């Protein structure tokens, strides 16, 4: 399964795509409508089946709507859950790229049903 993790910030989106045990180098997109469309194109081209991102105040809301309209399955997780996975993986570095990779691993490892996942939508 190919999944993606997105670290959402006010102006940027750091994205890591994971297939099996391999995670791509993080890519950055603008957190704007045109950036969301470019990201959706990239995720679709990569064959991403599920996207995981943290709930980040209001910064993630427009992105969630764009990805949902694009038909991607979404996991919007509590930041504490992602932090605990990073701790369990003994991740010591804190950067947008590392956070995106941890979120991609979260999407791959955690059963969507265990966190209230309902398929596409939020």
PDB file of N, CA and C in Angstrom:
ATOM      1  N   UNK A   1       0.840  -1.177   0.000  1.00  0.00           N
ATOM      2  CA  UNK A   1       0.000   0.000   0.000  1.00  0.00           C
ATOM      3  C   UNK A   1       0.882   1.236   0.000  1.00  0.00           C
ATOM      4  N   UNK A   2       0.519   2.202  -0.807  1.00  0.00           N
ATOM      5  CA  UNK A   2       1.237   3.467  -0.865  1.00  0.00           C
ATOM      6  C   UNK A   2       0.449   4.499  -0.070  1.00  0.00           C
ATOM      7  N   UNK A   3       1.137   5.131   0.876  1.00  0.00           N
ATOM      8  CA  UNK A   3       0.510   6.106   1.764  1.00  0.00           C
ATOM      9  C   UNK A   3       1.351   7.376   1.762  1.00  0.00           C
ATOM     10  N   UNK A   4       0.767   8.447   2.315  1.00  0.00           N
ATOM     11  CA  UNK A   4       1.501   9.705   2.421  1.00  0.00           C
ATOM     12  C   UNK A   4       1.255  10.319   3.787  1.00  0.00           C
ATOM     13  N   UNK A   5       2.272  10.990   4.289  1.00  0.00           N
ATOM     14  CA  UNK A   5       2.162  11.773   5.509  1.00  0.00           C
ATOM     15  C   UNK A   5       2.403  13.227   5.157  1.00  0.00           C
ATOM     16  N   UNK A   6       1.580  14.102   5.715  1.00  0.00           N
ATOM     17  CA  UNK A   6       1.712  15.531   5.422  1.00  0.00           C
ATOM     18  C   UNK A   6       1.846  16.301   6.725  1.00  0.00           C
ATOM     19  N   UNK A   7       2.953  17.018   6.862  1.00  0.00           N
ATOM     20  CA  UNK A   7       3.139  17.924   7.992  1.00  0.00           C
ATOM     21  C   UNK A   7       2.643  19.295   7.547  1.00  0.00           C
ATOM     22  N   UNK A   8       1.583  19.761   8.191  1.00  0.00           N
ATOM     23  CA  UNK A   8       0.917  21.004   7.785  1.00  0.00           C
ATOM     24  C   UNK A   8       1.420  22.167   8.628  1.00  0.00           C
ATOM     25  N   UNK A   9       1.849  23.220   7.952  1.00  0.00           N
ATOM     26  CA  UNK A   9       2.225  24.476   8.606  1.00  0.00           C
ATOM     27  C   UNK A   9       1.392  25.597   7.978  1.00  0.00           C
ATOM     28  N   UNK A  10       1.522  26.768   8.516  1.00  0.00           N
ATOM     29  CA  UNK A  10       0.726  27.904   8.036  1.00  0.00           C
ATOM     30  C   UNK A  10       0.929  28.152   6.537  1.00  0.00           C
ATOM     31  N   UNK A  11       2.183  28.143   6.083  1.00  0.00           N
ATOM     32  CA  UNK A  11       2.481  28.479   4.691  1.00  0.00           C
ATOM     33  C   UNK A  11       2.916  27.296   3.838  1.00  0.00           C
ATOM     34  N   UNK A  12       3.322  26.188   4.458  1.00  0.00           N
ATOM     35  CA  UNK A  12       3.882  25.077   3.690  1.00  0.00           C
ATOM     36  C   UNK A  12       3.306  23.726   4.113  1.00  0.00           C
ATOM     37  N   UNK A  13       3.460  22.763   3.212  1.00  0.00           N
ATOM     38  CA  UNK A  13       3.078  21.381   3.454  1.00  0.00           C
ATOM     39  C   UNK A  13       4.293  20.516   3.124  1.00  0.00           C
ATOM     40  N   UNK A  14       4.800  19.777   4.102  1.00  0.00           N
ATOM     41  CA  UNK A  14       5.892  18.835   3.855  1.00  0.00           C
ATOM     42  C   UNK A  14       5.251  17.466   3.661  1.00  0.00           C
ATOM     43  N   UNK A  15       5.587  16.794   2.565  1.00  0.00           N
ATOM     44  CA  UNK A  15       4.931  15.549   2.195  1.00  0.00           C
ATOM     45  C   UNK A  15       5.966  14.443   2.013  1.00  0.00           C
ATOM     46  N   UNK A  16       5.692  13.298   2.654  1.00  0.00           N
ATOM     47  CA  UNK A  16       6.506  12.094   2.469  1.00  0.00           C
ATOM     48  C   UNK A  16       5.587  10.982   1.984  1.00  0.00           C
ATOM     49  N   UNK A  17       6.023  10.268   0.957  1.00  0.00           N
ATOM     50  CA  UNK A  17       5.248   9.160   0.397  1.00  0.00           C
ATOM     51  C   UNK A  17       5.974   7.865   0.748  1.00  0.00           C
ATOM     52  N   UNK A  18       5.209   6.892   1.223  1.00  0.00           N
ATOM     53  CA  UNK A  18       5.793   5.637   1.705  1.00  0.00           C
ATOM     54  C   UNK A  18       5.151   4.452   0.985  1.00  0.00           C
ATOM     55  N   UNK A  19       6.003   3.586   0.442  1.00  0.00           N
ATOM     56  CA  UNK A  19       5.570   2.336  -0.159  1.00  0.00           C
ATOM     57  C   UNK A  19       6.389   1.227   0.479  1.00  0.00           C
ATOM     58  N   UNK A  20       5.708   0.301   1.146  1.00  0.00           N
ATOM     59  CA  UNK A  20       6.432  -0.757   1.848  1.00  0.00           C
ATOM     60  C   UNK A  20       7.310  -0.162   2.930  1.00  0.00           C
ATOM     61  N   UNK A  21       8.600  -0.449   2.858  1.00  0.00           N
ATOM     62  CA  UNK A  21       9.547   0.073   3.846  1.00  0.00           C
ATOM     63  C   UNK A  21      10.270   1.326   3.350  1.00  0.00           C
ATOM     64  N   UNK A  22       9.960   1.767   2.158  1.00  0.00           N
ATOM     65  CA  UNK A  22      10.665   2.901   1.557  1.00  0.00           C
ATOM     66  C   UNK A  22       9.850   4.182   1.646  1.00  0.00           C
ATOM     67  N   UNK A  23      10.498   5.232   2.130  1.00  0.00           N
ATOM     68  CA  UNK A  23       9.865   6.548   2.220  1.00  0.00           C
ATOM     69  C   UNK A  23      10.638   7.507   1.334  1.00  0.00           C
ATOM     70  N   UNK A  24       9.912   8.273   0.518  1.00  0.00           N
ATOM     71  CA  UNK A  24      10.569   9.235  -0.366  1.00  0.00           C
ATOM     72  C   UNK A  24      11.139  10.398   0.445  1.00  0.00           C
ATOM     73  N   UNK A  25      12.066  11.099  -0.163  1.00  0.00           N
ATOM     74  CA  UNK A  25      12.546  12.348   0.419  1.00  0.00           C
ATOM     75  C   UNK A  25      11.365  13.315   0.454  1.00  0.00           C
ATOM     76  N   UNK A  26      11.246  14.060   1.515  1.00  0.00           N
ATOM     77  CA  UNK A  26      10.123  14.984   1.684  1.00  0.00           C
ATOM     78  C   UNK A  26      10.101  16.035   0.573  1.00  0.00           C
ATOM     79  N   UNK A  27       8.888  16.328   0.111  1.00  0.00           N
ATOM     80  CA  UNK A  27       8.678  17.385  -0.874  1.00  0.00           C
ATOM     81  C   UNK A  27       7.862  18.479  -0.194  1.00  0.00           C
ATOM     82  N   UNK A  28       8.025  19.710  -0.666  1.00  0.00           N
ATOM     83  CA  UNK A  28       7.307  20.826  -0.062  1.00  0.00           C
ATOM     84  C   UNK A  28       6.359  21.474  -1.071  1.00  0.00           C
ATOM     85  N   UNK A  29       5.162  21.778  -0.600  1.00  0.00           N
ATOM     86  CA  UNK A  29       4.140  22.444  -1.401  1.00  0.00           C
ATOM     87  C   UNK A  29       3.633  23.642  -0.602  1.00  0.00           C
ATOM     88  N   UNK A  30       3.111  24.610  -1.307  1.00  0.00           N
ATOM     89  CA  UNK A  30       2.528  25.776  -0.639  1.00  0.00           C
ATOM     90  C   UNK A  30       1.174  25.386  -0.045  1.00  0.00           C
ATOM     91  N   UNK A  31       0.864  25.916   1.113  1.00  0.00           N
ATOM     92  CA  UNK A  31      -0.441  25.668   1.735  1.00  0.00           C
ATOM     93  C   UNK A  31      -1.421  26.720   1.206  1.00  0.00           C
ATOM     94  N   UNK A  32      -1.685  26.610  -0.099  1.00  0.00           N
ATOM     95  CA  UNK A  32      -2.585  27.503  -0.823  1.00  0.00           C
ATOM     96  C   UNK A  32      -3.456  26.644  -1.736  1.00  0.00           C
ATOM     97  N   UNK A  33      -4.531  27.181  -2.282  1.00  0.00           N
ATOM     98  CA  UNK A  33      -5.346  26.383  -3.203  1.00  0.00           C
ATOM     99  C   UNK A  33      -4.542  25.801  -4.378  1.00  0.00           C
ATOM    100  N   UNK A  34      -3.643  26.588  -4.970  1.00  0.00           N
ATOM    101  CA  UNK A  34      -2.849  26.053  -6.083  1.00  0.00           C
ATOM    102  C   UNK A  34      -1.852  24.997  -5.591  1.00  0.00           C
ATOM    103  N   UNK A  35      -1.315  25.190  -4.401  1.00  0.00           N
ATOM    104  CA  UNK A  35      -0.435  24.184  -3.806  1.00  0.00           C
ATOM    105  C   UNK A  35      -1.171  22.900  -3.507  1.00  0.00           C
ATOM    106  N   UNK A  36      -2.417  23.012  -3.052  1.00  0.00           N
ATOM    107  CA  UNK A  36      -3.232  21.828  -2.774  1.00  0.00           C
ATOM    108  C   UNK A  36      -3.477  21.035  -4.050  1.00  0.00           C
ATOM    109  N   UNK A  37      -3.745  21.730  -5.151  1.00  0.00           N
ATOM    110  CA  UNK A  37      -3.970  21.041  -6.429  1.00  0.00           C
ATOM    111  C   UNK A  37      -2.695  20.371  -6.930  1.00  0.00           C
ATOM    112  N   UNK A  38      -1.558  21.040  -6.780  1.00  0.00           N
ATOM    113  CA  UNK A  38      -0.280  20.436  -7.174  1.00  0.00           C
ATOM    114  C   UNK A  38       0.003  19.194  -6.330  1.00  0.00           C
ATOM    115  N   UNK A  39      -0.282  19.282  -5.045  1.00  0.00           N
ATOM    116  CA  UNK A  39      -0.096  18.140  -4.151  1.00  0.00           C
ATOM    117  C   UNK A  39      -1.018  16.995  -4.537  1.00  0.00           C
ATOM    118  N   UNK A  40      -2.268  17.286  -4.808  1.00  0.00           N
ATOM    119  CA  UNK A  40      -3.226  16.255  -5.210  1.00  0.00           C
ATOM    120  C   UNK A  40      -2.755  15.554  -6.482  1.00  0.00           C
ATOM    121  N   UNK A  41      -2.247  16.303  -7.424  1.00  0.00           N
ATOM    122  CA  UNK A  41      -1.706  15.718  -8.652  1.00  0.00           C
ATOM    123  C   UNK A  41      -0.534  14.795  -8.336  1.00  0.00           C
ATOM    124  N   UNK A  42       0.363  15.237  -7.464  1.00  0.00           N
ATOM    125  CA  UNK A  42       1.534  14.425  -7.085  1.00  0.00           C
ATOM    126  C   UNK A  42       1.104  13.137  -6.397  1.00  0.00           C
ATOM    127  N   UNK A  43       0.161  13.227  -5.464  1.00  0.00           N
ATOM    128  CA  UNK A  43      -0.297  12.043  -4.730  1.00  0.00           C
ATOM    129  C   UNK A  43      -1.009  11.065  -5.659  1.00  0.00           C
ATOM    130  N   UNK A  44      -1.813  11.578  -6.552  1.00  0.00           N
ATOM    131  CA  UNK A  44      -2.524  10.729  -7.503  1.00  0.00           C
ATOM    132  C   UNK A  44      -1.534  10.029  -8.429  1.00  0.00           C
ATOM    133  N   UNK A  45      -0.550  10.774  -8.915  1.00  0.00           N
ATOM    134  CA  UNK A  45       0.472  10.213  -9.804  1.00  0.00           C
ATOM    135  C   UNK A  45       1.276   9.115  -9.100  1.00  0.00           C
ATOM    136  N   UNK A  46       1.510   9.261  -7.803  1.00  0.00           N
ATOM    137  CA  UNK A  46       2.277   8.270  -7.035  1.00  0.00           C
ATOM    138  C   UNK A  46       1.434   7.060  -6.626  1.00  0.00           C
ATOM    139  N   UNK A  47       0.123   7.122  -6.857  1.00  0.00           N
ATOM    140  CA  UNK A  47      -0.739   5.997  -6.492  1.00  0.00           C
ATOM    141  C   UNK A  47      -1.046   5.908  -5.009  1.00  0.00           C
ATOM    142  N   UNK A  48      -1.022   7.047  -4.330  1.00  0.00           N
ATOM    143  CA  UNK A  48      -1.283   7.083  -2.888  1.00  0.00           C
ATOM    144  C   UNK A  48      -2.735   6.684  -2.622  1.00  0.00           C
ATOM    145  N   UNK A  49      -2.918   5.769  -1.665  1.00  0.00           N
ATOM    146  CA  UNK A  49      -4.247   5.283  -1.307  1.00  0.00           C
ATOM    147  C   UNK A  49      -4.788   5.919  -0.031  1.00  0.00           C
ATOM    148  N   UNK A  50      -3.893   6.344   0.850  1.00  0.00           N
ATOM    149  CA  UNK A  50      -4.311   6.918   2.134  1.00  0.00           C
ATOM    150  C   UNK A  50      -3.359   8.026   2.536  1.00  0.00           C
ATOM    151  N   UNK A  51      -3.905   9.096   3.087  1.00  0.00           N
ATOM    152  CA  UNK A  51      -3.116  10.249   3.522  1.00  0.00           C
ATOM    153  C   UNK A  51      -3.355  10.460   5.005  1.00  0.00           C
ATOM    154  N   UNK A  52      -2.271  10.722   5.734  1.00  0.00           N
ATOM    155  CA  UNK A  52      -2.369  10.996   7.167  1.00  0.00           C
ATOM    156  C   UNK A  52      -1.782  12.383   7.433  1.00  0.00           C
ATOM    157  N   UNK A  53      -2.528  13.179   8.198  1.00  0.00           N
ATOM    158  CA  UNK A  53      -2.027  14.478   8.628  1.00  0.00           C
ATOM    159  C   UNK A  53      -2.565  14.774  10.014  1.00  0.00           C
ATOM    160  N   UNK A  54      -1.900  15.698  10.687  1.00  0.00           N
ATOM    161  CA  UNK A  54      -2.325  16.071  12.037  1.00  0.00           C
ATOM    162  C   UNK A  54      -3.354  17.193  11.969  1.00  0.00           C
ATOM    163  N   UNK A  55      -4.223  17.210  12.963  1.00  0.00           N
ATOM    164  CA  UNK A  55      -5.135  18.330  13.143  1.00  0.00           C
ATOM    165  C   UNK A  55      -4.297  19.496  13.655  1.00  0.00           C
ATOM    166  N   UNK A  56      -4.229  20.576  12.885  1.00  0.00           N
ATOM    167  CA  UNK A  56      -3.363  21.708  13.239  1.00  0.00           C
ATOM    168  C   UNK A  56      -4.150  23.006  13.247  1.00  0.00           C
ATOM    169  N   UNK A  57      -5.037  23.136  14.199  1.00  0.00           N
ATOM    170  CA  UNK A  57      -5.834  24.357  14.250  1.00  0.00           C
ATOM    171  C   UNK A  57      -6.633  24.492  12.978  1.00  0.00           C
ATOM    172  N   UNK A  58      -6.542  25.636  12.333  1.00  0.00           N
ATOM    173  CA  UNK A  58      -7.288  25.862  11.096  1.00  0.00           C
ATOM    174  C   UNK A  58      -6.443  25.635   9.852  1.00  0.00           C
ATOM    175  N   UNK A  59      -5.135  25.417  10.000  1.00  0.00           N
ATOM    176  CA  UNK A  59      -4.242  25.338   8.850  1.00  0.00           C
ATOM    177  C   UNK A  59      -4.509  24.141   7.950  1.00  0.00           C
ATOM    178  N   UNK A  60      -5.077  23.075   8.486  1.00  0.00           N
ATOM    179  CA  UNK A  60      -5.268  21.863   7.693  1.00  0.00           C
ATOM    180  C   UNK A  60      -6.641  21.779   7.024  1.00  0.00           C
ATOM    181  N   UNK A  61      -7.575  22.630   7.389  1.00  0.00           N
ATOM    182  CA  UNK A  61      -8.960  22.473   6.944  1.00  0.00           C
ATOM    183  C   UNK A  61      -9.151  22.574   5.429  1.00  0.00           C
ATOM    184  N   UNK A  62      -8.582  23.585   4.788  1.00  0.00           N
ATOM    185  CA  UNK A  62      -8.729  23.714   3.336  1.00  0.00           C
ATOM    186  C   UNK A  62      -8.055  22.545   2.618  1.00  0.00           C
ATOM    187  N   UNK A  63      -6.932  22.092   3.141  1.00  0.00           N
ATOM    188  CA  UNK A  63      -6.244  20.935   2.547  1.00  0.00           C
ATOM    189  C   UNK A  63      -7.117  19.689   2.624  1.00  0.00           C
ATOM    190  N   UNK A  64      -7.734  19.456   3.778  1.00  0.00           N
ATOM    191  CA  UNK A  64      -8.611  18.296   3.939  1.00  0.00           C
ATOM    192  C   UNK A  64      -9.745  18.340   2.919  1.00  0.00           C
ATOM    193  N   UNK A  65     -10.343  19.492   2.733  1.00  0.00           N
ATOM    194  CA  UNK A  65     -11.428  19.622   1.755  1.00  0.00           C
ATOM    195  C   UNK A  65     -10.942  19.330   0.337  1.00  0.00           C
ATOM    196  N   UNK A  66      -9.753  19.815  -0.014  1.00  0.00           N
ATOM    197  CA  UNK A  66      -9.211  19.586  -1.359  1.00  0.00           C
ATOM    198  C   UNK A  66      -8.892  18.109  -1.579  1.00  0.00           C
ATOM    199  N   UNK A  67      -8.278  17.462  -0.590  1.00  0.00           N
ATOM    200  CA  UNK A  67      -7.942  16.041  -0.736  1.00  0.00           C
ATOM    201  C   UNK A  67      -9.194  15.176  -0.768  1.00  0.00           C
ATOM    202  N   UNK A  68     -10.176  15.540   0.044  1.00  0.00           N
ATOM    203  CA  UNK A  68     -11.440  14.798   0.047  1.00  0.00           C
ATOM    204  C   UNK A  68     -12.136  14.935  -1.305  1.00  0.00           C
ATOM    205  N   UNK A  69     -12.151  16.131  -1.857  1.00  0.00           N
ATOM    206  CA  UNK A  69     -12.762  16.341  -3.177  1.00  0.00           C
ATOM    207  C   UNK A  69     -12.017  15.558  -4.252  1.00  0.00           C
ATOM    208  N   UNK A  70     -10.723  15.324  -4.030  1.00  0.00           N
ATOM    209  CA  UNK A  70      -9.923  14.541  -4.967  1.00  0.00           C
ATOM    210  C   UNK A  70     -10.094  13.045  -4.795  1.00  0.00           C
ATOM    211  N   UNK A  71     -10.893  12.633  -3.804  1.00  0.00           N
ATOM    212  CA  UNK A  71     -11.192  11.218  -3.618  1.00  0.00           C
ATOM    213  C   UNK A  71     -10.191  10.430  -2.811  1.00  0.00           C
ATOM    214  N   UNK A  72      -9.282  11.086  -2.112  1.00  0.00           N
ATOM    215  CA  UNK A  72      -8.298  10.358  -1.298  1.00  0.00           C
ATOM    216  C   UNK A  72      -8.866  10.010   0.069  1.00  0.00           C
ATOM    217  N   UNK A  73      -8.504   8.844   0.574  1.00  0.00           N
ATOM    218  CA  UNK A  73      -8.874   8.448   1.929  1.00  0.00           C
ATOM    219  C   UNK A  73      -7.984   9.221   2.904  1.00  0.00           C
ATOM    220  N   UNK A  74      -8.590   9.805   3.931  1.00  0.00           N
ATOM    221  CA  UNK A  74      -7.873  10.670   4.856  1.00  0.00           C
ATOM    222  C   UNK A  74      -7.893  10.143   6.274  1.00  0.00           C
ATOM    223  N   UNK A  75      -6.790  10.366   6.966  1.00  0.00           N
ATOM    224  CA  UNK A  75      -6.694  10.136   8.400  1.00  0.00           C
ATOM    225  C   UNK A  75      -6.224  11.455   9.009  1.00  0.00           C
ATOM    226  N   UNK A  76      -7.070  12.120   9.760  1.00  0.00           N
ATOM    227  CA  UNK A  76      -6.673  13.333  10.467  1.00  0.00           C
ATOM    228  C   UNK A  76      -6.509  12.921  11.926  1.00  0.00           C
ATOM    229  N   UNK A  77      -5.267  12.910  12.389  1.00  0.00           N
ATOM    230  CA  UNK A  77      -4.975  12.341  13.698  1.00  0.00           C
ATOM    231  C   UNK A  77      -4.640  13.414  14.730  1.00  0.00           C
ATOM    232  N   UNK A  78      -4.830  13.053  15.965  1.00  0.00           N
ATOM    233  CA  UNK A  78      -4.452  13.895  17.080  1.00  0.00           C
ATOM    234  C   UNK A  78      -2.923  13.998  17.100  1.00  0.00           C
ATOM    235  N   UNK A  79      -2.368  15.192  17.209  1.00  0.00           N
ATOM    236  CA  UNK A  79      -0.916  15.338  17.226  1.00  0.00           C
ATOM    237  C   UNK A  79      -0.229  14.499  18.307  1.00  0.00           C
ATOM    238  N   UNK A  80      -0.894  14.287  19.421  1.00  0.00           N
ATOM    239  CA  UNK A  80      -0.292  13.477  20.483  1.00  0.00           C
ATOM    240  C   UNK A  80      -0.082  12.038  20.031  1.00  0.00           C
ATOM    241  N   UNK A  81      -1.005  11.499  19.229  1.00  0.00           N
ATOM    242  CA  UNK A  81      -0.864  10.129  18.730  1.00  0.00           C
ATOM    243  C   UNK A  81       0.366  10.018  17.823  1.00  0.00           C
ATOM    244  N   UNK A  82       0.559  10.997  16.944  1.00  0.00           N
ATOM    245  CA  UNK A  82       1.726  10.987  16.066  1.00  0.00           C
ATOM    246  C   UNK A  82       3.014  11.155  16.869  1.00  0.00           C
ATOM    247  N   UNK A  83       2.976  11.994  17.877  1.00  0.00           N
ATOM    248  CA  UNK A  83       4.155  12.196  18.733  1.00  0.00           C
ATOM    249  C   UNK A  83       4.532  10.902  19.447  1.00  0.00           C
ATOM    250  N   UNK A  84       3.543  10.174  19.923  1.00  0.00           N
ATOM    251  CA  UNK A  84       3.818   8.914  20.622  1.00  0.00           C
ATOM    252  C   UNK A  84       4.429   7.871  19.686  1.00  0.00           C
ATOM    253  N   UNK A  85       3.978   7.848  18.424  1.00  0.00           N
ATOM    254  CA  UNK A  85       4.591   6.931  17.462  1.00  0.00           C
ATOM    255  C   UNK A  85       6.038   7.324  17.215  1.00  0.00           C
ATOM    256  N   UNK A  86       6.299   8.608  17.054  1.00  0.00           N
ATOM    257  CA  UNK A  86       7.672   9.072  16.855  1.00  0.00           C
ATOM    258  C   UNK A  86       8.554   8.671  18.031  1.00  0.00           C
ATOM    259  N   UNK A  87       8.024   8.781  19.246  1.00  0.00           N
ATOM    260  CA  UNK A  87       8.776   8.363  20.426  1.00  0.00           C
ATOM    261  C   UNK A  87       9.023   6.861  20.410  1.00  0.00           C
ATOM    262  N   UNK A  88       8.016   6.090  20.033  1.00  0.00           N
ATOM    263  CA  UNK A  88       8.168   4.629  19.981  1.00  0.00           C
ATOM    264  C   UNK A  88       9.199   4.217  18.933  1.00  0.00           C
ATOM    265  N   UNK A  89       9.292   4.987  17.851  1.00  0.00           N
ATOM    266  CA  UNK A  89      10.280   4.711  16.809  1.00  0.00           C
ATOM    267  C   UNK A  89      11.657   5.268  17.169  1.00  0.00           C
ATOM    268  N   UNK A  90      11.732   5.905  18.328  1.00  0.00           N
ATOM    269  CA  UNK A  90      12.957   6.512  18.842  1.00  0.00           C
ATOM    270  C   UNK A  90      13.490   7.588  17.882  1.00  0.00           C
ATOM    271  N   UNK A  91      12.585   8.356  17.321  1.00  0.00           N
ATOM    272  CA  UNK A  91      12.947   9.467  16.451  1.00  0.00           C
ATOM    273  C   UNK A  91      13.380  10.637  17.317  1.00  0.00           C
ATOM    274  N   UNK A  92      14.597  11.065  17.134  1.00  0.00           N
ATOM    275  CA  UNK A  92      15.117  12.157  17.964  1.00  0.00           C
ATOM    276  C   UNK A  92      15.103  13.492  17.235  1.00  0.00           C
ATOM    277  N   UNK A  93      15.104  13.461  15.934  1.00  0.00           N
ATOM    278  CA  UNK A  93      15.126  14.685  15.141  1.00  0.00           C
ATOM    279  C   UNK A  93      13.719  15.217  14.983  1.00  0.00           C
ATOM    280  N   UNK A  94      13.577  16.527  15.046  1.00  0.00           N
ATOM    281  CA  UNK A  94      12.266  17.173  14.883  1.00  0.00           C
ATOM    282  C   UNK A  94      12.381  18.174  13.741  1.00  0.00           C
ATOM    283  N   UNK A  95      11.787  17.825  12.604  1.00  0.00           N
ATOM    284  CA  UNK A  95      11.736  18.728  11.458  1.00  0.00           C
ATOM    285  C   UNK A  95      10.459  18.424  10.689  1.00  0.00           C
ATOM    286  N   UNK A  96      10.095  19.288   9.771  1.00  0.00           N
ATOM    287  CA  UNK A  96       8.895  19.051   8.979  1.00  0.00           C
ATOM    288  C   UNK A  96       9.022  17.758   8.172  1.00  0.00           C
ATOM    289  N   UNK A  97      10.190  17.524   7.596  1.00  0.00           N
ATOM    290  CA  UNK A  97      10.405  16.316   6.794  1.00  0.00           C
ATOM    291  C   UNK A  97      10.284  15.052   7.633  1.00  0.00           C
ATOM    292  N   UNK A  98      10.865  15.072   8.818  1.00  0.00           N
ATOM    293  CA  UNK A  98      10.784  13.906   9.717  1.00  0.00           C
ATOM    294  C   UNK A  98       9.345  13.693  10.169  1.00  0.00           C
ATOM    295  N   UNK A  99       8.657  14.776  10.508  1.00  0.00           N
ATOM    296  CA  UNK A  99       7.251  14.658  10.920  1.00  0.00           C
ATOM    297  C   UNK A  99       6.391  14.064   9.802  1.00  0.00           C
ATOM    298  N   UNK A 100       6.633  14.478   8.560  1.00  0.00           N
ATOM    299  CA  UNK A 100       5.877  13.930   7.430  1.00  0.00           C
ATOM    300  C   UNK A 100       6.138  12.436   7.281  1.00  0.00           C
ATOM    301  N   UNK A 101       7.397  12.019   7.463  1.00  0.00           N
ATOM    302  CA  UNK A 101       7.734  10.596   7.360  1.00  0.00           C
ATOM    303  C   UNK A 101       7.069   9.794   8.481  1.00  0.00           C
ATOM    304  N   UNK A 102       7.027  10.338   9.688  1.00  0.00           N
ATOM    305  CA  UNK A 102       6.358   9.656  10.805  1.00  0.00           C
ATOM    306  C   UNK A 102       4.867   9.532  10.522  1.00  0.00           C
ATOM    307  N   UNK A 103       4.257  10.562   9.971  1.00  0.00           N
ATOM    308  CA  UNK A 103       2.829  10.508   9.639  1.00  0.00           C
ATOM    309  C   UNK A 103       2.560   9.479   8.530  1.00  0.00           C
ATOM    310  N   UNK A 104       3.478   9.356   7.581  1.00  0.00           N
ATOM    311  CA  UNK A 104       3.319   8.323   6.543  1.00  0.00           C
ATOM    312  C   UNK A 104       3.398   6.938   7.175  1.00  0.00           C
ATOM    313  N   UNK A 105       4.315   6.763   8.104  1.00  0.00           N
ATOM    314  CA  UNK A 105       4.410   5.470   8.790  1.00  0.00           C
ATOM    315  C   UNK A 105       3.167   5.209   9.633  1.00  0.00           C
ATOM    316  N   UNK A 106       2.627   6.245  10.243  1.00  0.00           N
ATOM    317  CA  UNK A 106       1.384   6.122  11.001  1.00  0.00           C
ATOM    318  C   UNK A 106       0.273   5.607  10.091  1.00  0.00           C
ATOM    319  N   UNK A 107       0.160   6.192   8.896  1.00  0.00           N
ATOM    320  CA  UNK A 107      -0.880   5.779   7.941  1.00  0.00           C
ATOM    321  C   UNK A 107      -0.717   4.324   7.546  1.00  0.00           C
ATOM    322  N   UNK A 108       0.519   3.876   7.478  1.00  0.00           N
ATOM    323  CA  UNK A 108       0.776   2.491   7.085  1.00  0.00           C
ATOM    324  C   UNK A 108       0.544   1.507   8.232  1.00  0.00           C
ATOM    325  N   UNK A 109       0.904   1.879   9.441  1.00  0.00           N
ATOM    326  CA  UNK A 109       0.884   0.945  10.571  1.00  0.00           C
ATOM    327  C   UNK A 109      -0.434   0.876  11.325  1.00  0.00           C
ATOM    328  N   UNK A 110      -1.146   1.985  11.410  1.00  0.00           N
ATOM    329  CA  UNK A 110      -2.329   2.042  12.264  1.00  0.00           C
ATOM    330  C   UNK A 110      -3.572   1.707  11.443  1.00  0.00           C
ATOM    331  N   UNK A 111      -4.338   0.740  11.930  1.00  0.00           N
ATOM    332  CA  UNK A 111      -5.576   0.361  11.245  1.00  0.00           C
ATOM    333  C   UNK A 111      -6.554   1.524  11.305  1.00  0.00           C
ATOM    334  N   UNK A 112      -7.046   1.965  10.158  1.00  0.00           N
ATOM    335  CA  UNK A 112      -7.955   3.120  10.149  1.00  0.00           C
ATOM    336  C   UNK A 112      -9.167   2.939  11.050  1.00  0.00           C
ATOM    337  N   UNK A 113      -9.700   1.733  11.157  1.00  0.00           N
ATOM    338  CA  UNK A 113     -10.880   1.503  11.985  1.00  0.00           C
ATOM    339  C   UNK A 113     -10.598   1.774  13.463  1.00  0.00           C
ATOM    340  N   UNK A 114      -9.357   1.632  13.874  1.00  0.00           N
ATOM    341  CA  UNK A 114      -9.026   1.809  15.285  1.00  0.00           C
ATOM    342  C   UNK A 114      -9.066   3.262  15.716  1.00  0.00           C
ATOM    343  N   UNK A 115      -9.115   4.190  14.761  1.00  0.00           N
ATOM    344  CA  UNK A 115      -9.153   5.609  15.130  1.00  0.00           C
ATOM    345  C   UNK A 115     -10.378   6.307  14.572  1.00  0.00           C
ATOM    346  N   UNK A 116     -11.406   5.558  14.245  1.00  0.00           N
ATOM    347  CA  UNK A 116     -12.641   6.163  13.803  1.00  0.00           C
ATOM    348  C   UNK A 116     -12.651   6.563  12.337  1.00  0.00           C
ATOM    349  N   UNK A 117     -11.843   5.928  11.525  1.00  0.00           N
ATOM    350  CA  UNK A 117     -11.757   6.218  10.096  1.00  0.00           C
ATOM    351  C   UNK A 117     -13.051   5.807   9.398  1.00  0.00           C
ATOM    352  N   UNK A 118     -13.554   6.659   8.482  1.00  0.00           N
ATOM    353  CA  UNK A 118     -14.792   6.358   7.767  1.00  0.00           C
ATOM    354  C   UNK A 118     -14.599   6.386   6.260  1.00  0.00           C
ATOM    355  N   UNK A 119     -13.416   6.071   5.804  1.00  0.00           N
ATOM    356  CA  UNK A 119     -13.187   6.138   4.370  1.00  0.00           C
ATOM    357  C   UNK A 119     -12.908   7.564   3.965  1.00  0.00           C
ATOM    358  N   UNK A 120     -13.208   7.896   2.737  1.00  0.00           N
ATOM    359  CA  UNK A 120     -12.974   9.245   2.261  1.00  0.00           C
ATOM    360  C   UNK A 120     -13.878  10.210   3.025  1.00  0.00           C
ATOM    361  N   UNK A 121     -13.335  11.316   3.402  1.00  0.00           N
ATOM    362  CA  UNK A 121     -14.087  12.313   4.158  1.00  0.00           C
ATOM    363  C   UNK A 121     -13.474  12.534   5.516  1.00  0.00           C
ATOM    364  N   UNK A 122     -14.107  13.342   6.292  1.00  0.00           N
ATOM    365  CA  UNK A 122     -13.575  13.627   7.632  1.00  0.00           C
ATOM    366  C   UNK A 122     -14.684  13.815   8.608  1.00  0.00           C
TER     367      UNK A 122
END
